[in-house]
Amino acid sequence: MSVEMHTIRIIDNTHKGKPSIWRQTGQVLLLSGILFGPGILADSTAMQWAGFALFLVLALFCLDAWNDSFLTPDKARQKIDEIEKAAAK
């Protein structure tokens, strides 16, 4: 018998969703500067490509995290009940 793992993220009523556009823009610019800045300053194409590759990996991690479901406490309880009912069979 295999055990299936489930991750449930629960949010409360104070959850605001995404940060403001200014904060998102600042974070993107800061991250871009950190990843590409050394390659630009050193005039190194290889360092710029390495920064780009790291940027793509981080973007994929962000997309994966963004696609996770967030549930309210009531919906999370329903989901947990469904999982427990399926496990009891």
N, C-alpha and C. Protein backbone atom coordinates (compact mmCIF):
# COMPACT_ATOMS: atom_id res chain seq x y z
N MET A 1 0.84 -1.18 0.00
CA MET A 1 0.00 0.00 0.00
C MET A 1 0.89 1.24 0.00
N SER A 2 0.66 2.14 -0.92
CA SER A 2 1.46 3.37 -0.99
C SER A 2 0.69 4.52 -0.34
N VAL A 3 1.46 5.39 0.24
CA VAL A 3 0.88 6.56 0.90
C VAL A 3 1.05 7.75 -0.03
N GLU A 4 -0.05 8.45 -0.31
CA GLU A 4 -0.01 9.62 -1.18
C GLU A 4 0.07 10.87 -0.32
N MET A 5 1.03 11.74 -0.62
CA MET A 5 1.21 12.96 0.14
C MET A 5 0.40 14.09 -0.48
N HIS A 6 -0.19 14.93 0.37
CA HIS A 6 -0.97 16.07 -0.08
C HIS A 6 -0.47 17.31 0.65
N THR A 7 -0.41 18.42 -0.06
CA THR A 7 -0.08 19.70 0.55
C THR A 7 -1.28 20.61 0.39
N ILE A 8 -1.73 21.16 1.50
CA ILE A 8 -2.87 22.07 1.48
C ILE A 8 -2.41 23.38 2.10
N ARG A 9 -2.55 24.46 1.35
CA ARG A 9 -2.22 25.79 1.85
C ARG A 9 -3.52 26.47 2.24
N ILE A 10 -3.57 26.93 3.46
CA ILE A 10 -4.78 27.56 3.97
C ILE A 10 -4.53 29.06 4.11
N ILE A 11 -5.46 29.85 3.61
CA ILE A 11 -5.37 31.30 3.74
C ILE A 11 -6.52 31.78 4.61
N ASP A 12 -6.34 32.92 5.25
CA ASP A 12 -7.43 33.49 6.03
C ASP A 12 -8.03 34.67 5.28
N ASN A 13 -8.96 35.33 5.90
CA ASN A 13 -9.67 36.42 5.22
C ASN A 13 -8.80 37.65 5.01
N THR A 14 -7.64 37.73 5.65
CA THR A 14 -6.77 38.90 5.49
C THR A 14 -5.81 38.73 4.33
N HIS A 15 -5.86 37.60 3.63
CA HIS A 15 -4.96 37.35 2.51
C HIS A 15 -5.23 38.36 1.40
N LYS A 16 -4.20 39.08 0.99
CA LYS A 16 -4.34 40.15 0.00
C LYS A 16 -3.98 39.70 -1.41
N GLY A 17 -3.43 38.53 -1.58
CA GLY A 17 -3.03 38.08 -2.91
C GLY A 17 -1.64 38.57 -3.26
N LYS A 18 -1.48 39.05 -4.48
CA LYS A 18 -0.18 39.48 -4.96
C LYS A 18 0.24 40.81 -4.32
N PRO A 19 1.57 41.04 -4.23
CA PRO A 19 2.03 42.34 -3.75
C PRO A 19 1.74 43.44 -4.78
N SER A 20 1.90 44.69 -4.40
CA SER A 20 1.61 45.80 -5.29
C SER A 20 2.52 45.76 -6.52
N ILE A 21 2.09 46.45 -7.56
CA ILE A 21 2.86 46.47 -8.81
C ILE A 21 4.23 47.11 -8.60
N TRP A 22 4.30 48.10 -7.72
CA TRP A 22 5.59 48.77 -7.46
C TRP A 22 6.55 47.82 -6.76
N ARG A 23 6.03 47.05 -5.85
CA ARG A 23 6.90 46.09 -5.14
C ARG A 23 7.36 44.99 -6.10
N GLN A 24 6.46 44.51 -6.94
CA GLN A 24 6.84 43.49 -7.92
C GLN A 24 7.89 44.02 -8.88
N THR A 25 7.70 45.25 -9.36
CA THR A 25 8.65 45.85 -10.29
C THR A 25 10.01 46.01 -9.64
N GLY A 26 10.02 46.49 -8.41
CA GLY A 26 11.29 46.64 -7.67
C GLY A 26 12.00 45.31 -7.48
N GLN A 27 11.25 44.27 -7.17
CA GLN A 27 11.85 42.96 -6.98
C GLN A 27 12.44 42.42 -8.28
N VAL A 28 11.74 42.61 -9.37
CA VAL A 28 12.24 42.13 -10.66
C VAL A 28 13.51 42.88 -11.05
N LEU A 29 13.50 44.20 -10.87
CA LEU A 29 14.69 44.99 -11.21
C LEU A 29 15.88 44.63 -10.32
N LEU A 30 15.62 44.44 -9.03
CA LEU A 30 16.70 44.06 -8.11
C LEU A 30 17.27 42.69 -8.48
N LEU A 31 16.40 41.74 -8.74
CA LEU A 31 16.86 40.40 -9.11
C LEU A 31 17.64 40.43 -10.42
N SER A 32 17.14 41.19 -11.38
CA SER A 32 17.85 41.29 -12.66
C SER A 32 19.23 41.92 -12.48
N GLY A 33 19.30 42.95 -11.64
CA GLY A 33 20.59 43.59 -11.37
C GLY A 33 21.57 42.65 -10.70
N ILE A 34 21.06 41.85 -9.76
CA ILE A 34 21.93 40.91 -9.06
C ILE A 34 22.43 39.81 -9.99
N LEU A 35 21.55 39.32 -10.88
CA LEU A 35 21.93 38.22 -11.76
C LEU A 35 22.77 38.66 -12.95
N PHE A 36 22.41 39.78 -13.56
CA PHE A 36 23.09 40.21 -14.78
C PHE A 36 24.16 41.27 -14.54
N GLY A 37 24.07 41.98 -13.42
CA GLY A 37 25.00 43.07 -13.14
C GLY A 37 26.47 42.69 -13.18
N PRO A 38 26.87 41.63 -12.47
CA PRO A 38 28.29 41.26 -12.51
C PRO A 38 28.80 40.95 -13.92
N GLY A 39 27.97 40.29 -14.72
CA GLY A 39 28.38 39.98 -16.09
C GLY A 39 28.51 41.23 -16.94
N ILE A 40 27.63 42.20 -16.72
CA ILE A 40 27.71 43.45 -17.48
C ILE A 40 28.93 44.25 -17.04
N LEU A 41 29.14 44.33 -15.72
CA LEU A 41 30.29 45.08 -15.21
C LEU A 41 31.62 44.46 -15.66
N ALA A 42 31.68 43.14 -15.69
CA ALA A 42 32.91 42.45 -16.08
C ALA A 42 33.00 42.28 -17.60
N ASP A 43 31.98 42.73 -18.31
CA ASP A 43 31.92 42.58 -19.76
C ASP A 43 32.12 41.12 -20.17
N SER A 44 31.40 40.24 -19.43
CA SER A 44 31.53 38.80 -19.65
C SER A 44 30.20 38.24 -20.15
N THR A 45 30.20 37.80 -21.39
CA THR A 45 28.99 37.21 -21.96
C THR A 45 28.61 35.93 -21.23
N ALA A 46 29.61 35.16 -20.84
CA ALA A 46 29.35 33.89 -20.15
C ALA A 46 28.64 34.15 -18.82
N MET A 47 29.06 35.17 -18.07
CA MET A 47 28.41 35.48 -16.80
C MET A 47 26.98 35.97 -17.03
N GLN A 48 26.76 36.69 -18.11
CA GLN A 48 25.41 37.15 -18.42
C GLN A 48 24.51 35.96 -18.76
N TRP A 49 25.03 35.00 -19.53
CA TRP A 49 24.25 33.80 -19.84
C TRP A 49 23.98 32.97 -18.60
N ALA A 50 24.97 32.89 -17.71
CA ALA A 50 24.76 32.16 -16.45
C ALA A 50 23.67 32.84 -15.63
N GLY A 51 23.67 34.16 -15.59
CA GLY A 51 22.62 34.88 -14.90
C GLY A 51 21.26 34.64 -15.52
N PHE A 52 21.21 34.59 -16.84
CA PHE A 52 19.96 34.31 -17.54
C PHE A 52 19.46 32.91 -17.24
N ALA A 53 20.36 31.92 -17.23
CA ALA A 53 19.97 30.55 -16.92
C ALA A 53 19.43 30.45 -15.50
N LEU A 54 20.09 31.11 -14.56
CA LEU A 54 19.61 31.11 -13.18
C LEU A 54 18.26 31.81 -13.09
N PHE A 55 18.09 32.89 -13.84
CA PHE A 55 16.82 33.60 -13.87
C PHE A 55 15.70 32.69 -14.35
N LEU A 56 15.96 31.88 -15.39
CA LEU A 56 14.94 30.96 -15.90
C LEU A 56 14.58 29.90 -14.86
N VAL A 57 15.58 29.38 -14.17
CA VAL A 57 15.32 28.37 -13.13
C VAL A 57 14.46 28.98 -12.02
N LEU A 58 14.82 30.18 -11.58
CA LEU A 58 14.03 30.85 -10.55
C LEU A 58 12.61 31.14 -11.03
N ALA A 59 12.47 31.52 -12.29
CA ALA A 59 11.14 31.79 -12.84
C ALA A 59 10.29 30.52 -12.84
N LEU A 60 10.90 29.39 -13.16
CA LEU A 60 10.16 28.12 -13.14
C LEU A 60 9.72 27.76 -11.73
N PHE A 61 10.59 27.98 -10.74
CA PHE A 61 10.22 27.74 -9.35
C PHE A 61 9.06 28.65 -8.94
N CYS A 62 9.09 29.90 -9.37
CA CYS A 62 8.03 30.84 -9.04
C CYS A 62 6.71 30.42 -9.68
N LEU A 63 6.77 29.99 -10.93
CA LEU A 63 5.54 29.53 -11.59
C LEU A 63 4.97 28.31 -10.90
N ASP A 64 5.84 27.41 -10.47
CA ASP A 64 5.38 26.23 -9.76
C ASP A 64 4.69 26.63 -8.45
N ALA A 65 5.29 27.55 -7.72
CA ALA A 65 4.70 28.00 -6.46
C ALA A 65 3.41 28.77 -6.71
N TRP A 66 3.37 29.55 -7.80
CA TRP A 66 2.20 30.36 -8.11
C TRP A 66 0.99 29.49 -8.43
N ASN A 67 1.23 28.32 -9.01
CA ASN A 67 0.14 27.44 -9.42
C ASN A 67 -0.39 26.57 -8.29
N ASP A 68 0.23 26.62 -7.12
CA ASP A 68 -0.29 25.87 -5.99
C ASP A 68 -1.65 26.43 -5.58
N SER A 69 -2.49 25.55 -5.13
CA SER A 69 -3.83 25.98 -4.72
C SER A 69 -3.79 26.54 -3.30
N PHE A 70 -4.53 27.60 -3.10
CA PHE A 70 -4.72 28.17 -1.79
C PHE A 70 -6.19 27.98 -1.43
N LEU A 71 -6.43 27.44 -0.25
CA LEU A 71 -7.80 27.13 0.15
C LEU A 71 -8.17 27.92 1.41
N THR A 72 -9.45 28.27 1.49
CA THR A 72 -9.96 28.85 2.72
C THR A 72 -10.05 27.73 3.75
N PRO A 73 -10.17 28.06 5.04
CA PRO A 73 -10.27 27.00 6.05
C PRO A 73 -11.42 26.02 5.79
N ASP A 74 -12.58 26.53 5.34
CA ASP A 74 -13.71 25.64 5.07
C ASP A 74 -13.43 24.69 3.91
N LYS A 75 -12.87 25.23 2.84
CA LYS A 75 -12.55 24.39 1.68
C LYS A 75 -11.43 23.41 2.01
N ALA A 76 -10.49 23.84 2.84
CA ALA A 76 -9.40 22.94 3.25
C ALA A 76 -9.96 21.78 4.07
N ARG A 77 -10.92 22.07 4.95
CA ARG A 77 -11.54 21.01 5.76
C ARG A 77 -12.26 20.01 4.85
N GLN A 78 -12.96 20.52 3.84
CA GLN A 78 -13.64 19.63 2.89
C GLN A 78 -12.63 18.75 2.15
N LYS A 79 -11.53 19.35 1.72
CA LYS A 79 -10.49 18.59 1.01
C LYS A 79 -9.87 17.53 1.92
N ILE A 80 -9.61 17.90 3.17
CA ILE A 80 -9.05 16.93 4.13
C ILE A 80 -10.03 15.79 4.36
N ASP A 81 -11.32 16.11 4.47
CA ASP A 81 -12.33 15.06 4.65
C ASP A 81 -12.35 14.12 3.45
N GLU A 82 -12.24 14.68 2.23
CA GLU A 82 -12.21 13.84 1.03
C GLU A 82 -11.00 12.92 1.04
N ILE A 83 -9.84 13.46 1.43
CA ILE A 83 -8.61 12.65 1.46
C ILE A 83 -8.73 11.54 2.51
N GLU A 84 -9.26 11.88 3.68
CA GLU A 84 -9.42 10.87 4.74
C GLU A 84 -10.42 9.81 4.33
N LYS A 85 -11.49 10.20 3.65
CA LYS A 85 -12.50 9.24 3.20
C LYS A 85 -11.88 8.29 2.17
N ALA A 86 -11.09 8.82 1.24
CA ALA A 86 -10.45 8.00 0.23
C ALA A 86 -9.41 7.06 0.86
N ALA A 87 -8.73 7.54 1.90
CA ALA A 87 -7.70 6.73 2.56
C ALA A 87 -8.33 5.60 3.37
N ALA A 88 -9.56 5.80 3.86
CA ALA A 88 -10.22 4.79 4.69
C ALA A 88 -10.73 3.62 3.88
N LYS A 89 -10.84 3.78 2.58
CA LYS A 89 -11.36 2.70 1.72
C LYS A 89 -10.38 1.57 1.59
